[in-house]
Amino acid sequence: MLFFITVHVMTRSGTMVNFPRGTASTEREMRTLVFLLIASLALQLTPAHATPLPYDFGGQNSHLYNRAQLSRFADDRGYHDIDLTRNHSPTYGDRLVKSVNGGPLIPITQMELPRFVDANGRLPSWVLMRERATGYLMTVCTGTGCQYRIPVIWTKPMLDRVAETMGSAMARCDPQSATCELRGLQRAMTIMEVQFRQKLDRMSSSETHAYMVTNASHDPYLQDCVDQTFNGTGYLMILADAGLMKLHKVYYPGFTWVHNYTRLQAPNGLVIRLDLYHRESGVGTGASVLAVPDPLHGAL
């Protein structure tokens, strides 16, 4: 009489694999079954191969945003005055620090939405000499209420990391779907905040002071929703220009009496609140970006 016992193994994907055992099984058959079991488990544990997303370094003026409309927001001439410009106050600048053009580092008097610049061309005189580079230049706000305006140029190595991060985030979903792209955009914004923090950490106290508006009440390592609304909008513009965002559109930022936030519009018309607000965790700590339906339903 032969007795058989069936061993049931559940893989990570939820698949049930049955391996019969019994006195009629030969040693070779058992070795084969064990090999199949190990191979099955290994396949489930192997992560999806993440390929960096392809992108167009140098792409400009994407159709996925309205620069004129967003410029009005950046200059406090838009639908709501959130005093992003601190009543149009300039930063200090520094006559003893050299700018990219060899002269003194002049004050920043206007918020800078992202635009592509060439290291061999003429850059604004509020960019440090050692920061001359080719890439996407934008002003990053920090210090709460944009009390510090730090210029950052997103170079190709920086965007390579962003593309790699997005590829990893989108490896297990359909990159042609809006849901999958949104997942990648959330991770991209987190990494771009981290890259800004790395720039901030390299700056001396005199350099950060040069980029501070008069009578600032906080240090540059604290942000509020005003800072992060402007920054998030700028990050999305860079991603759109570089072709790392293809399906969503940058939407005019959301405003309530107690909060401001970045917004996107999905291909189906749904407006999404993309919230970088993580004040308690500090600047560029890798905190995740919240994505939920816009409570204002796209109202301006």
C-alpha atoms as a PDB file:
ATOM      1  CA  MET A   1       0.000   0.000   0.000  1.00  0.00           C
ATOM      2  CA  LEU A   2       1.291   3.460  -0.888  1.00  0.00           C
ATOM      3  CA  PHE A   3       0.663   6.512   1.281  1.00  0.00           C
ATOM      4  CA  PHE A   4       0.812  10.028  -0.200  1.00  0.00           C
ATOM      5  CA  ILE A   5       1.000  13.333   1.604  1.00  0.00           C
ATOM      6  CA  THR A   6       0.453  16.593  -0.276  1.00  0.00           C
ATOM      7  CA  VAL A   7       2.525  19.582   0.779  1.00  0.00           C
ATOM      8  CA  HIS A   8       0.845  22.930   0.054  1.00  0.00           C
ATOM      9  CA  VAL A   9       3.094  25.977  -0.375  1.00  0.00           C
ATOM     10  CA  MET A  10       1.702  29.496  -0.731  1.00  0.00           C
ATOM     11  CA  THR A  11       3.908  31.868  -2.742  1.00  0.00           C
ATOM     12  CA  ARG A  12       4.054  35.645  -2.194  1.00  0.00           C
ATOM     13  CA  SER A  13       1.739  36.196  -5.146  1.00  0.00           C
ATOM     14  CA  GLY A  14      -0.916  34.029  -3.499  1.00  0.00           C
ATOM     15  CA  THR A  15      -0.418  31.036  -5.832  1.00  0.00           C
ATOM     16  CA  MET A  16      -0.845  27.627  -4.233  1.00  0.00           C
ATOM     17  CA  VAL A  17       1.855  25.122  -5.279  1.00  0.00           C
ATOM     18  CA  ASN A  18       1.196  21.452  -4.487  1.00  0.00           C
ATOM     19  CA  PHE A  19       4.075  18.991  -4.065  1.00  0.00           C
ATOM     20  CA  PRO A  20       3.086  15.309  -3.562  1.00  0.00           C
ATOM     21  CA  ARG A  21       5.220  13.206  -1.287  1.00  0.00           C
ATOM     22  CA  GLY A  22       5.024   9.513  -0.654  1.00  0.00           C
ATOM     23  CA  THR A  23       6.832   6.255  -0.345  1.00  0.00           C
ATOM     24  CA  ALA A  24       6.764   5.909  -4.159  1.00  0.00           C
ATOM     25  CA  SER A  25       8.731   9.108  -4.719  1.00  0.00           C
ATOM     26  CA  THR A  26      12.333   8.614  -5.633  1.00  0.00           C
ATOM     27  CA  GLU A  27      15.186  10.662  -4.235  1.00  0.00           C
ATOM     28  CA  ARG A  28      15.659  12.299  -7.639  1.00  0.00           C
ATOM     29  CA  GLU A  29      12.015  13.352  -7.782  1.00  0.00           C
ATOM     30  CA  MET A  30      12.267  14.883  -4.321  1.00  0.00           C
ATOM     31  CA  ARG A  31      15.340  16.885  -5.312  1.00  0.00           C
ATOM     32  CA  THR A  32      13.476  18.144  -8.378  1.00  0.00           C
ATOM     33  CA  LEU A  33      10.509  19.204  -6.267  1.00  0.00           C
ATOM     34  CA  VAL A  34      12.739  21.038  -3.816  1.00  0.00           C
ATOM     35  CA  PHE A  35      14.467  22.827  -6.712  1.00  0.00           C
ATOM     36  CA  LEU A  36      11.088  23.877  -8.139  1.00  0.00           C
ATOM     37  CA  LEU A  37      10.011  25.174  -4.743  1.00  0.00           C
ATOM     38  CA  ILE A  38      13.160  27.261  -4.315  1.00  0.00           C
ATOM     39  CA  ALA A  39      12.905  28.617  -7.863  1.00  0.00           C
ATOM     40  CA  SER A  40       9.243  29.530  -7.343  1.00  0.00           C
ATOM     41  CA  LEU A  41       9.987  31.436  -4.162  1.00  0.00           C
ATOM     42  CA  ALA A  42      13.001  33.175  -5.717  1.00  0.00           C
ATOM     43  CA  LEU A  43      10.883  34.449  -8.594  1.00  0.00           C
ATOM     44  CA  GLN A  44       8.410  35.934  -6.143  1.00  0.00           C
ATOM     45  CA  LEU A  45      11.144  37.638  -4.117  1.00  0.00           C
ATOM     46  CA  THR A  46      13.003  39.148  -7.083  1.00  0.00           C
ATOM     47  CA  PRO A  47      12.059  42.844  -7.442  1.00  0.00           C
ATOM     48  CA  ALA A  48      10.823  44.174 -10.761  1.00  0.00           C
ATOM     49  CA  HIS A  49      13.635  45.499 -12.913  1.00  0.00           C
ATOM     50  CA  ALA A  50      13.597  49.273 -12.612  1.00  0.00           C
ATOM     51  CA  THR A  51      14.690  51.181 -15.708  1.00  0.00           C
ATOM     52  CA  PRO A  52      15.200  54.960 -15.405  1.00  0.00           C
ATOM     53  CA  LEU A  53      12.564  56.849 -17.346  1.00  0.00           C
ATOM     54  CA  PRO A  54      13.820  58.414 -20.589  1.00  0.00           C
ATOM     55  CA  TYR A  55      13.634  62.186 -20.659  1.00  0.00           C
ATOM     56  CA  ASP A  56      14.489  65.248 -22.727  1.00  0.00           C
ATOM     57  CA  PHE A  57      17.139  67.282 -20.927  1.00  0.00           C
ATOM     58  CA  GLY A  58      16.740  70.788 -22.295  1.00  0.00           C
ATOM     59  CA  GLY A  59      13.059  70.539 -23.148  1.00  0.00           C
ATOM     60  CA  GLN A  60      11.232  73.809 -22.590  1.00  0.00           C
ATOM     61  CA  ASN A  61       7.817  75.474 -22.548  1.00  0.00           C
ATOM     62  CA  SER A  62       5.731  72.348 -22.139  1.00  0.00           C
ATOM     63  CA  HIS A  63       2.071  72.466 -23.137  1.00  0.00           C
ATOM     64  CA  LEU A  64       1.305  70.883 -19.753  1.00  0.00           C
ATOM     65  CA  TYR A  65       1.328  74.215 -17.917  1.00  0.00           C
ATOM     66  CA  ASN A  66       0.325  77.829 -18.440  1.00  0.00           C
ATOM     67  CA  ARG A  67       3.415  79.897 -17.644  1.00  0.00           C
ATOM     68  CA  ALA A  68       1.623  83.239 -17.859  1.00  0.00           C
ATOM     69  CA  GLN A  69      -0.982  82.141 -15.330  1.00  0.00           C
ATOM     70  CA  LEU A  70       1.572  80.626 -12.963  1.00  0.00           C
ATOM     71  CA  SER A  71       3.753  83.741 -13.234  1.00  0.00           C
ATOM     72  CA  ARG A  72       0.854  85.766 -11.879  1.00  0.00           C
ATOM     73  CA  PHE A  73       0.718  83.404  -8.913  1.00  0.00           C
ATOM     74  CA  ALA A  74       4.480  83.775  -8.352  1.00  0.00           C
ATOM     75  CA  ASP A  75       4.235  87.570  -8.371  1.00  0.00           C
ATOM     76  CA  ASP A  76       1.154  87.872  -6.130  1.00  0.00           C
ATOM     77  CA  ARG A  77      -0.981  89.073  -9.039  1.00  0.00           C
ATOM     78  CA  GLY A  78      -3.080  85.926  -9.268  1.00  0.00           C
ATOM     79  CA  TYR A  79      -6.429  84.847  -7.895  1.00  0.00           C
ATOM     80  CA  HIS A  80      -5.316  85.128  -4.263  1.00  0.00           C
ATOM     81  CA  ASP A  81      -2.625  87.208  -2.604  1.00  0.00           C
ATOM     82  CA  ILE A  82      -0.695  84.873  -0.322  1.00  0.00           C
ATOM     83  CA  ASP A  83       2.193  87.356   0.018  1.00  0.00           C
ATOM     84  CA  LEU A  84       4.651  84.998  -1.608  1.00  0.00           C
ATOM     85  CA  THR A  85       6.833  87.989  -2.522  1.00  0.00           C
ATOM     86  CA  ARG A  86       6.851  89.330   1.068  1.00  0.00           C
ATOM     87  CA  ASN A  87       5.333  92.556  -0.203  1.00  0.00           C
ATOM     88  CA  HIS A  88       7.837  92.468  -3.089  1.00  0.00           C
ATOM     89  CA  SER A  89      10.769  92.690  -0.682  1.00  0.00           C
ATOM     90  CA  PRO A  90      14.228  91.936  -2.136  1.00  0.00           C
ATOM     91  CA  THR A  91      16.759  89.593  -0.598  1.00  0.00           C
ATOM     92  CA  TYR A  92      19.921  91.087   0.898  1.00  0.00           C
ATOM     93  CA  GLY A  93      22.412  90.078  -1.784  1.00  0.00           C
ATOM     94  CA  ASP A  94      26.111  90.387  -0.967  1.00  0.00           C
ATOM     95  CA  ARG A  95      28.618  92.767  -2.513  1.00  0.00           C
ATOM     96  CA  LEU A  96      31.539  90.682  -1.237  1.00  0.00           C
ATOM     97  CA  VAL A  97      30.363  87.459  -2.903  1.00  0.00           C
ATOM     98  CA  LYS A  98      30.917  86.883  -6.622  1.00  0.00           C
ATOM     99  CA  SER A  99      28.010  86.083  -8.879  1.00  0.00           C
ATOM    100  CA  VAL A 100      28.204  84.022 -12.081  1.00  0.00           C
ATOM    101  CA  ASN A 101      28.909  87.181 -14.056  1.00  0.00           C
ATOM    102  CA  GLY A 102      31.915  88.191 -11.954  1.00  0.00           C
ATOM    103  CA  GLY A 103      30.217  91.075 -10.181  1.00  0.00           C
ATOM    104  CA  PRO A 104      28.645  91.192  -6.714  1.00  0.00           C
ATOM    105  CA  LEU A 105      25.781  88.879  -5.835  1.00  0.00           C
ATOM    106  CA  ILE A 106      22.775  91.121  -6.393  1.00  0.00           C
ATOM    107  CA  PRO A 107      19.442  90.878  -4.508  1.00  0.00           C
ATOM    108  CA  ILE A 108      16.579  88.783  -5.833  1.00  0.00           C
ATOM    109  CA  THR A 109      13.622  91.040  -6.438  1.00  0.00           C
ATOM    110  CA  GLN A 110      11.328  88.636  -8.300  1.00  0.00           C
ATOM    111  CA  MET A 111      10.373  84.978  -7.915  1.00  0.00           C
ATOM    112  CA  GLU A 112      11.859  82.766 -10.622  1.00  0.00           C
ATOM    113  CA  LEU A 113       9.737  79.990 -12.103  1.00  0.00           C
ATOM    114  CA  PRO A 114      11.793  77.211 -13.749  1.00  0.00           C
ATOM    115  CA  ARG A 115      13.515  77.869 -17.054  1.00  0.00           C
ATOM    116  CA  PHE A 116      16.351  76.154 -18.871  1.00  0.00           C
ATOM    117  CA  VAL A 117      19.719  77.935 -18.735  1.00  0.00           C
ATOM    118  CA  ASP A 118      23.092  77.256 -20.369  1.00  0.00           C
ATOM    119  CA  ALA A 119      26.328  77.404 -18.384  1.00  0.00           C
ATOM    120  CA  ASN A 120      27.945  79.169 -21.346  1.00  0.00           C
ATOM    121  CA  GLY A 121      25.220  81.800 -21.561  1.00  0.00           C
ATOM    122  CA  ARG A 122      24.384  84.762 -19.353  1.00  0.00           C
ATOM    123  CA  LEU A 123      22.846  83.753 -16.056  1.00  0.00           C
ATOM    124  CA  PRO A 124      21.155  86.039 -13.498  1.00  0.00           C
ATOM    125  CA  SER A 125      23.594  87.915 -11.259  1.00  0.00           C
ATOM    126  CA  TRP A 126      21.924  86.513  -8.169  1.00  0.00           C
ATOM    127  CA  VAL A 127      23.411  83.060  -8.892  1.00  0.00           C
ATOM    128  CA  LEU A 128      26.720  82.258  -7.178  1.00  0.00           C
ATOM    129  CA  MET A 129      29.819  81.932  -9.343  1.00  0.00           C
ATOM    130  CA  ARG A 130      30.411  78.328  -8.232  1.00  0.00           C
ATOM    131  CA  GLU A 131      26.806  77.415  -9.096  1.00  0.00           C
ATOM    132  CA  ARG A 132      27.178  78.109 -12.832  1.00  0.00           C
ATOM    133  CA  ALA A 133      25.739  75.097 -14.668  1.00  0.00           C
ATOM    134  CA  THR A 134      23.456  73.972 -17.466  1.00  0.00           C
ATOM    135  CA  GLY A 135      19.996  72.892 -16.385  1.00  0.00           C
ATOM    136  CA  TYR A 136      16.650  74.059 -15.048  1.00  0.00           C
ATOM    137  CA  LEU A 137      16.989  77.142 -12.860  1.00  0.00           C
ATOM    138  CA  MET A 138      14.315  77.984 -10.330  1.00  0.00           C
ATOM    139  CA  THR A 139      14.005  79.834  -7.064  1.00  0.00           C
ATOM    140  CA  VAL A 140      13.248  77.494  -4.171  1.00  0.00           C
ATOM    141  CA  CYS A 141      11.360  78.968  -1.239  1.00  0.00           C
ATOM    142  CA  THR A 142      12.141  78.161   2.379  1.00  0.00           C
ATOM    143  CA  GLY A 143      12.103  79.746   5.836  1.00  0.00           C
ATOM    144  CA  THR A 144       8.254  79.957   5.927  1.00  0.00           C
ATOM    145  CA  GLY A 145       6.464  82.393   3.650  1.00  0.00           C
ATOM    146  CA  CYS A 146       9.424  82.362   1.259  1.00  0.00           C
ATOM    147  CA  GLN A 147      11.696  84.324   3.588  1.00  0.00           C
ATOM    148  CA  TYR A 148      14.668  82.721   1.827  1.00  0.00           C
ATOM    149  CA  ARG A 149      14.874  82.435  -1.977  1.00  0.00           C
ATOM    150  CA  ILE A 150      17.537  79.899  -2.902  1.00  0.00           C
ATOM    151  CA  PRO A 151      18.387  79.495  -6.602  1.00  0.00           C
ATOM    152  CA  VAL A 152      18.905  75.880  -7.668  1.00  0.00           C
ATOM    153  CA  ILE A 153      19.879  74.573 -11.111  1.00  0.00           C
ATOM    154  CA  TRP A 154      18.653  71.033 -11.730  1.00  0.00           C
ATOM    155  CA  THR A 155      21.511  69.570 -13.761  1.00  0.00           C
ATOM    156  CA  LYS A 156      21.508  66.366 -15.785  1.00  0.00           C
ATOM    157  CA  PRO A 157      23.021  64.227 -12.988  1.00  0.00           C
ATOM    158  CA  MET A 158      20.302  65.513 -10.650  1.00  0.00           C
ATOM    159  CA  LEU A 159      17.558  64.707 -13.155  1.00  0.00           C
ATOM    160  CA  ASP A 160      19.159  61.322 -13.848  1.00  0.00           C
ATOM    161  CA  ARG A 161      18.508  60.487 -10.211  1.00  0.00           C
ATOM    162  CA  VAL A 162      14.941  61.764 -10.480  1.00  0.00           C
ATOM    163  CA  ALA A 163      14.351  59.624 -13.596  1.00  0.00           C
ATOM    164  CA  GLU A 164      15.817  56.590 -11.830  1.00  0.00           C
ATOM    165  CA  THR A 165      13.608  57.135  -8.787  1.00  0.00           C
ATOM    166  CA  MET A 166      10.523  57.480 -10.958  1.00  0.00           C
ATOM    167  CA  GLY A 167      11.446  54.313 -12.843  1.00  0.00           C
ATOM    168  CA  SER A 168      11.656  52.391  -9.571  1.00  0.00           C
ATOM    169  CA  ALA A 169       8.340  53.766  -8.347  1.00  0.00           C
ATOM    170  CA  MET A 170       6.617  52.868 -11.628  1.00  0.00           C
ATOM    171  CA  ALA A 171       8.278  49.477 -12.196  1.00  0.00           C
ATOM    172  CA  ARG A 172       5.274  47.406 -11.103  1.00  0.00           C
ATOM    173  CA  CYS A 173       2.526  49.386 -12.838  1.00  0.00           C
ATOM    174  CA  ASP A 174       1.641  50.471 -16.363  1.00  0.00           C
ATOM    175  CA  PRO A 175       3.731  53.609 -17.076  1.00  0.00           C
ATOM    176  CA  GLN A 176       1.168  54.648 -19.700  1.00  0.00           C
ATOM    177  CA  SER A 177      -1.544  54.973 -17.055  1.00  0.00           C
ATOM    178  CA  ALA A 178      -2.246  58.184 -15.147  1.00  0.00           C
ATOM    179  CA  THR A 179      -2.326  56.325 -11.820  1.00  0.00           C
ATOM    180  CA  CYS A 180       1.154  54.948 -12.393  1.00  0.00           C
ATOM    181  CA  GLU A 181       2.537  58.301 -13.521  1.00  0.00           C
ATOM    182  CA  LEU A 182       1.116  59.967 -10.420  1.00  0.00           C
ATOM    183  CA  ARG A 183       2.999  57.462  -8.271  1.00  0.00           C
ATOM    184  CA  GLY A 184       6.209  58.412 -10.060  1.00  0.00           C
ATOM    185  CA  LEU A 185       5.532  62.132  -9.708  1.00  0.00           C
ATOM    186  CA  GLN A 186       5.045  61.803  -5.966  1.00  0.00           C
ATOM    187  CA  ARG A 187       8.436  60.142  -5.604  1.00  0.00           C
ATOM    188  CA  ALA A 188      10.073  62.661  -7.949  1.00  0.00           C
ATOM    189  CA  MET A 189       8.895  65.604  -5.851  1.00  0.00           C
ATOM    190  CA  THR A 190      10.222  63.953  -2.700  1.00  0.00           C
ATOM    191  CA  ILE A 191      13.657  63.452  -4.288  1.00  0.00           C
ATOM    192  CA  MET A 192      13.765  67.014  -5.612  1.00  0.00           C
ATOM    193  CA  GLU A 193      13.142  68.279  -2.083  1.00  0.00           C
ATOM    194  CA  VAL A 194      16.037  66.109  -0.889  1.00  0.00           C
ATOM    195  CA  GLN A 195      18.255  67.566  -3.615  1.00  0.00           C
ATOM    196  CA  PHE A 196      17.357  71.074  -2.491  1.00  0.00           C
ATOM    197  CA  ARG A 197      18.277  70.149   1.088  1.00  0.00           C
ATOM    198  CA  GLN A 198      21.683  68.930  -0.119  1.00  0.00           C
ATOM    199  CA  LYS A 199      22.242  72.314  -1.771  1.00  0.00           C
ATOM    200  CA  LEU A 200      21.148  74.111   1.393  1.00  0.00           C
ATOM    201  CA  ASP A 201      23.555  72.071   3.530  1.00  0.00           C
ATOM    202  CA  ARG A 202      26.491  73.121   1.323  1.00  0.00           C
ATOM    203  CA  MET A 203      25.789  76.833   1.746  1.00  0.00           C
ATOM    204  CA  SER A 204      27.613  79.013   4.256  1.00  0.00           C
ATOM    205  CA  SER A 205      25.729  81.227   6.683  1.00  0.00           C
ATOM    206  CA  SER A 206      26.743  84.337   4.722  1.00  0.00           C
ATOM    207  CA  GLU A 207      25.377  82.820   1.521  1.00  0.00           C
ATOM    208  CA  THR A 208      22.031  81.923   3.056  1.00  0.00           C
ATOM    209  CA  HIS A 209      21.870  85.430   4.540  1.00  0.00           C
ATOM    210  CA  ALA A 210      22.368  86.865   1.051  1.00  0.00           C
ATOM    211  CA  TYR A 211      19.227  85.039  -0.086  1.00  0.00           C
ATOM    212  CA  MET A 212      17.132  86.152   2.892  1.00  0.00           C
ATOM    213  CA  VAL A 213      14.578  88.943   2.807  1.00  0.00           C
ATOM    214  CA  THR A 214      14.839  91.632   5.461  1.00  0.00           C
ATOM    215  CA  ASN A 215      13.519  90.853   8.936  1.00  0.00           C
ATOM    216  CA  ALA A 216      13.197  87.092   8.380  1.00  0.00           C
ATOM    217  CA  SER A 217      11.844  85.406  11.495  1.00  0.00           C
ATOM    218  CA  HIS A 218      12.901  81.777  10.874  1.00  0.00           C
ATOM    219  CA  ASP A 219      15.944  79.873   9.685  1.00  0.00           C
ATOM    220  CA  PRO A 220      16.038  78.268   6.219  1.00  0.00           C
ATOM    221  CA  TYR A 221      15.466  74.747   7.569  1.00  0.00           C
ATOM    222  CA  LEU A 222      11.790  75.350   8.210  1.00  0.00           C
ATOM    223  CA  GLN A 223       9.096  75.493   5.541  1.00  0.00           C
ATOM    224  CA  ASP A 224       5.374  76.146   5.543  1.00  0.00           C
ATOM    225  CA  CYS A 225       2.650  75.500   2.996  1.00  0.00           C
ATOM    226  CA  VAL A 226       3.434  78.716   1.098  1.00  0.00           C
ATOM    227  CA  ASP A 227       7.023  77.586   0.484  1.00  0.00           C
ATOM    228  CA  GLN A 228       5.996  74.102  -0.517  1.00  0.00           C
ATOM    229  CA  THR A 229       3.162  75.209  -2.783  1.00  0.00           C
ATOM    230  CA  PHE A 230       5.547  77.329  -4.831  1.00  0.00           C
ATOM    231  CA  ASN A 231       8.270  74.664  -4.815  1.00  0.00           C
ATOM    232  CA  GLY A 232       5.932  71.825  -5.744  1.00  0.00           C
ATOM    233  CA  THR A 233       4.545  73.814  -8.663  1.00  0.00           C
ATOM    234  CA  GLY A 234       8.076  74.538  -9.872  1.00  0.00           C
ATOM    235  CA  TYR A 235       9.153  70.898  -9.573  1.00  0.00           C
ATOM    236  CA  LEU A 236       6.205  69.813 -11.704  1.00  0.00           C
ATOM    237  CA  MET A 237       7.063  72.405 -14.354  1.00  0.00           C
ATOM    238  CA  ILE A 238      10.592  70.977 -14.581  1.00  0.00           C
ATOM    239  CA  LEU A 239       9.236  67.433 -14.852  1.00  0.00           C
ATOM    240  CA  ALA A 240       6.864  68.563 -17.612  1.00  0.00           C
ATOM    241  CA  ASP A 241       9.602  70.362 -19.561  1.00  0.00           C
ATOM    242  CA  ALA A 242      11.939  67.372 -19.302  1.00  0.00           C
ATOM    243  CA  GLY A 243       9.244  64.966 -20.482  1.00  0.00           C
ATOM    244  CA  LEU A 244       9.134  63.069 -17.185  1.00  0.00           C
ATOM    245  CA  MET A 245       5.469  64.046 -16.864  1.00  0.00           C
ATOM    246  CA  LYS A 246       3.387  63.280 -19.936  1.00  0.00           C
ATOM    247  CA  LEU A 247      -0.217  62.763 -18.879  1.00  0.00           C
ATOM    248  CA  HIS A 248      -0.994  65.272 -16.122  1.00  0.00           C
ATOM    249  CA  LYS A 249      -1.100  69.061 -16.294  1.00  0.00           C
ATOM    250  CA  VAL A 250       0.204  71.559 -13.755  1.00  0.00           C
ATOM    251  CA  TYR A 251      -2.847  73.278 -12.266  1.00  0.00           C
ATOM    252  CA  TYR A 252      -3.096  76.644 -10.531  1.00  0.00           C
ATOM    253  CA  PRO A 253      -2.285  76.162  -6.810  1.00  0.00           C
ATOM    254  CA  GLY A 254      -5.080  75.605  -4.325  1.00  0.00           C
ATOM    255  CA  PHE A 255      -5.947  78.222  -1.710  1.00  0.00           C
ATOM    256  CA  THR A 256      -8.079  78.079   1.417  1.00  0.00           C
ATOM    257  CA  TRP A 257      -8.099  80.413   4.382  1.00  0.00           C
ATOM    258  CA  VAL A 258      -5.882  78.012   6.309  1.00  0.00           C
ATOM    259  CA  HIS A 259      -3.794  76.176   3.690  1.00  0.00           C
ATOM    260  CA  ASN A 260      -2.137  76.371   0.263  1.00  0.00           C
ATOM    261  CA  TYR A 261      -1.088  73.421  -1.877  1.00  0.00           C
ATOM    262  CA  THR A 262       0.183  72.309  -5.289  1.00  0.00           C
ATOM    263  CA  ARG A 263      -2.355  70.914  -7.776  1.00  0.00           C
ATOM    264  CA  LEU A 264      -2.344  68.676 -10.827  1.00  0.00           C
ATOM    265  CA  GLN A 265      -5.036  67.853 -13.335  1.00  0.00           C
ATOM    266  CA  ALA A 266      -5.395  64.235 -14.474  1.00  0.00           C
ATOM    267  CA  PRO A 267      -6.241  63.330 -18.084  1.00  0.00           C
ATOM    268  CA  ASN A 268      -9.863  62.670 -17.055  1.00  0.00           C
ATOM    269  CA  GLY A 269     -10.186  66.242 -15.733  1.00  0.00           C
ATOM    270  CA  LEU A 270      -9.926  65.362 -12.032  1.00  0.00           C
ATOM    271  CA  VAL A 271      -7.940  67.958 -10.097  1.00  0.00           C
ATOM    272  CA  ILE A 272      -5.550  66.442  -7.550  1.00  0.00           C
ATOM    273  CA  ARG A 273      -4.111  67.972  -4.418  1.00  0.00           C
ATOM    274  CA  LEU A 274      -0.381  67.165  -4.275  1.00  0.00           C
ATOM    275  CA  ASP A 275       0.661  68.233  -0.823  1.00  0.00           C
ATOM    276  CA  LEU A 276       4.332  68.525   0.138  1.00  0.00           C
ATOM    277  CA  TYR A 277       3.406  69.952   3.534  1.00  0.00           C
ATOM    278  CA  HIS A 278       5.504  68.210   6.176  1.00  0.00           C
ATOM    279  CA  ARG A 279       6.507  71.094   8.397  1.00  0.00           C
ATOM    280  CA  GLU A 280       7.287  69.043  11.491  1.00  0.00           C
ATOM    281  CA  SER A 281       9.723  66.704   9.708  1.00  0.00           C
ATOM    282  CA  GLY A 282      11.897  69.522   8.338  1.00  0.00           C
ATOM    283  CA  VAL A 283      13.211  70.343   4.863  1.00  0.00           C
ATOM    284  CA  GLY A 284      14.139  67.600   2.404  1.00  0.00           C
ATOM    285  CA  THR A 285      13.956  64.665   4.807  1.00  0.00           C
ATOM    286  CA  GLY A 286      12.347  62.309   2.281  1.00  0.00           C
ATOM    287  CA  ALA A 287       8.804  62.738   3.583  1.00  0.00           C
ATOM    288  CA  SER A 288       6.176  61.386   1.201  1.00  0.00           C
ATOM    289  CA  VAL A 289       3.934  63.605  -0.910  1.00  0.00           C
ATOM    290  CA  LEU A 290       0.191  63.228  -0.324  1.00  0.00           C
ATOM    291  CA  ALA A 291      -2.043  62.870  -3.403  1.00  0.00           C
ATOM    292  CA  VAL A 292      -5.813  63.152  -2.889  1.00  0.00           C
ATOM    293  CA  PRO A 293      -8.753  64.637  -4.832  1.00  0.00           C
ATOM    294  CA  ASP A 294      -8.784  68.418  -4.589  1.00  0.00           C
ATOM    295  CA  PRO A 295     -11.288  69.482  -1.904  1.00  0.00           C
ATOM    296  CA  LEU A 296     -11.955  72.643  -3.956  1.00  0.00           C
ATOM    297  CA  HIS A 297     -12.823  70.520  -7.040  1.00  0.00           C
ATOM    298  CA  GLY A 298     -10.561  72.717  -9.182  1.00  0.00           C
ATOM    299  CA  ALA A 299     -12.000  76.052  -8.086  1.00  0.00           C
ATOM    300  CA  LEU A 300      -9.551  78.947  -8.531  1.00  0.00           C
END
